[in-house]
């Protein structure tokens, strides 16, 4: 399984940005898809996640500004970011939890990370 993230870049405070991540490969069922971020000298933290049934979960700091969605057929997850703030500056990582056919354990995979820089 490979995860390819895209869409990072520089944006001014108050602007919008969209991140996307595509999973490639076969023979598995994706359970949860999500986005994490890590700012310099901070631990990696969950930004948003979405389950296979469409249940979403957001960090309190992004609630109402960021929106996560997924395309089940294309095996992609997107994060639409609105009203971004300088404190949103971080490397964003997509994460996928999946089960291979015939297996019950969940395996986690990470994308390569994409940098989002918000200037004031």
Protein backbone atom coordinates (compact mmCIF):
# COMPACT_ATOMS: atom_id res chain seq x y z
CA UNK A 1 0.00 0.00 0.00
CA UNK A 2 1.27 3.44 -0.88
CA UNK A 3 -0.22 6.77 0.10
CA UNK A 4 0.40 9.80 -2.08
CA UNK A 5 -0.47 13.16 -0.55
CA UNK A 6 -0.76 16.43 -2.42
CA UNK A 7 -2.07 19.96 -2.05
CA UNK A 8 0.20 21.52 0.53
CA UNK A 9 1.70 24.94 0.10
CA UNK A 10 1.71 28.48 1.39
CA UNK A 11 -1.44 30.40 2.12
CA UNK A 12 -2.29 33.61 3.91
CA UNK A 13 -4.21 33.66 7.13
CA UNK A 14 -7.92 33.42 6.46
CA UNK A 15 -7.42 31.61 3.19
CA UNK A 16 -8.31 28.10 2.09
CA UNK A 17 -6.36 25.05 1.04
CA UNK A 18 -7.26 21.52 0.06
CA UNK A 19 -5.18 18.44 0.78
CA UNK A 20 -5.73 15.11 -0.93
CA UNK A 21 -4.32 11.65 -0.39
CA UNK A 22 -4.71 8.60 -2.59
CA UNK A 23 -4.12 5.01 -1.54
CA UNK A 24 -2.84 2.61 -4.15
CA UNK A 25 -2.85 -1.15 -4.09
CA UNK A 26 -5.36 -3.98 -3.89
CA UNK A 27 -6.49 -6.78 -1.67
CA UNK A 28 -7.61 -4.73 1.31
CA UNK A 29 -10.55 -2.91 2.82
CA UNK A 30 -9.96 0.57 4.14
CA UNK A 31 -11.43 1.28 7.55
CA UNK A 32 -10.47 4.71 8.85
CA UNK A 33 -8.82 7.47 6.84
CA UNK A 34 -7.45 10.56 8.48
CA UNK A 35 -5.11 13.51 8.56
CA UNK A 36 -2.54 14.25 11.23
CA UNK A 37 -0.16 17.16 11.52
CA UNK A 38 3.11 17.88 13.20
CA UNK A 39 4.43 21.36 13.85
CA UNK A 40 8.10 21.97 14.74
CA UNK A 41 8.89 20.77 18.25
CA UNK A 42 5.36 19.40 18.66
CA UNK A 43 4.03 15.90 18.69
CA UNK A 44 2.01 14.58 15.80
CA UNK A 45 -1.67 15.17 16.43
CA UNK A 46 -4.92 14.06 14.87
CA UNK A 47 -6.59 16.73 12.74
CA UNK A 48 -9.56 14.82 11.37
CA UNK A 49 -10.65 11.29 10.59
CA UNK A 50 -13.50 9.57 8.80
CA UNK A 51 -14.63 5.99 9.22
CA UNK A 52 -15.89 3.57 6.59
CA UNK A 53 -19.44 4.49 7.58
CA UNK A 54 -18.75 8.20 7.20
CA UNK A 55 -18.47 9.16 10.84
CA UNK A 56 -16.12 12.11 11.21
CA UNK A 57 -13.99 13.29 14.09
CA UNK A 58 -12.18 16.61 14.33
CA UNK A 59 -9.64 18.19 16.61
CA UNK A 60 -11.26 20.95 18.59
CA UNK A 61 -8.84 23.49 17.11
CA UNK A 62 -10.11 22.89 13.55
CA UNK A 63 -13.77 22.16 14.22
CA UNK A 64 -15.93 24.21 11.88
CA UNK A 65 -12.99 25.27 9.69
CA UNK A 66 -11.69 21.98 8.28
CA UNK A 67 -13.79 19.32 6.59
CA UNK A 68 -12.73 15.78 5.78
CA UNK A 69 -14.23 13.66 3.03
CA UNK A 70 -13.43 10.42 1.25
CA UNK A 71 -14.11 8.75 -2.05
CA UNK A 72 -14.55 5.07 -1.39
CA UNK A 73 -14.19 3.97 -5.00
CA UNK A 74 -11.04 6.01 -5.64
CA UNK A 75 -9.59 5.27 -2.19
CA UNK A 76 -8.91 8.92 -1.55
CA UNK A 77 -9.30 11.20 1.44
CA UNK A 78 -9.37 14.97 1.30
CA UNK A 79 -9.11 17.74 3.84
CA UNK A 80 -10.68 21.06 2.94
CA UNK A 81 -9.19 23.79 5.07
CA UNK A 82 -10.96 27.13 5.48
CA UNK A 83 -10.08 30.22 7.47
CA UNK A 84 -6.61 28.90 8.12
CA UNK A 85 -4.51 30.39 10.89
CA UNK A 86 -0.76 30.65 11.44
CA UNK A 87 -1.04 27.97 14.11
CA UNK A 88 -2.22 25.56 11.40
CA UNK A 89 1.31 25.63 9.99
CA UNK A 90 2.64 22.07 10.06
CA UNK A 91 3.51 19.04 8.02
CA UNK A 92 0.27 17.20 7.33
CA UNK A 93 0.25 13.42 7.05
CA UNK A 94 -2.51 11.22 5.75
CA UNK A 95 -3.13 7.97 7.56
CA UNK A 96 -5.07 4.90 6.55
CA UNK A 97 -6.16 1.97 8.68
CA UNK A 98 -6.99 -1.09 6.63
CA UNK A 99 -7.53 -4.83 6.74
CA UNK A 100 -6.21 -7.22 4.15
CA UNK A 101 -8.70 -9.76 2.84
CA UNK A 102 -8.91 -12.72 5.16
CA UNK A 103 -7.27 -10.85 8.01
CA UNK A 104 -8.86 -9.25 11.05
CA UNK A 105 -6.04 -7.03 12.27
CA UNK A 106 -5.88 -3.37 11.30
CA UNK A 107 -2.68 -2.10 9.73
CA UNK A 108 -1.79 1.58 9.62
CA UNK A 109 -0.02 3.32 6.78
CA UNK A 110 1.31 6.87 6.54
CA UNK A 111 1.73 9.21 3.62
CA UNK A 112 4.95 11.12 3.07
CA UNK A 113 3.69 14.39 4.54
CA UNK A 114 2.91 17.69 2.89
CA UNK A 115 3.89 21.07 4.29
CA UNK A 116 1.26 23.72 4.95
CA UNK A 117 2.54 27.19 5.79
CA UNK A 118 0.12 29.89 6.89
CA UNK A 119 1.41 33.43 6.96
CA UNK A 120 -0.17 36.21 8.97
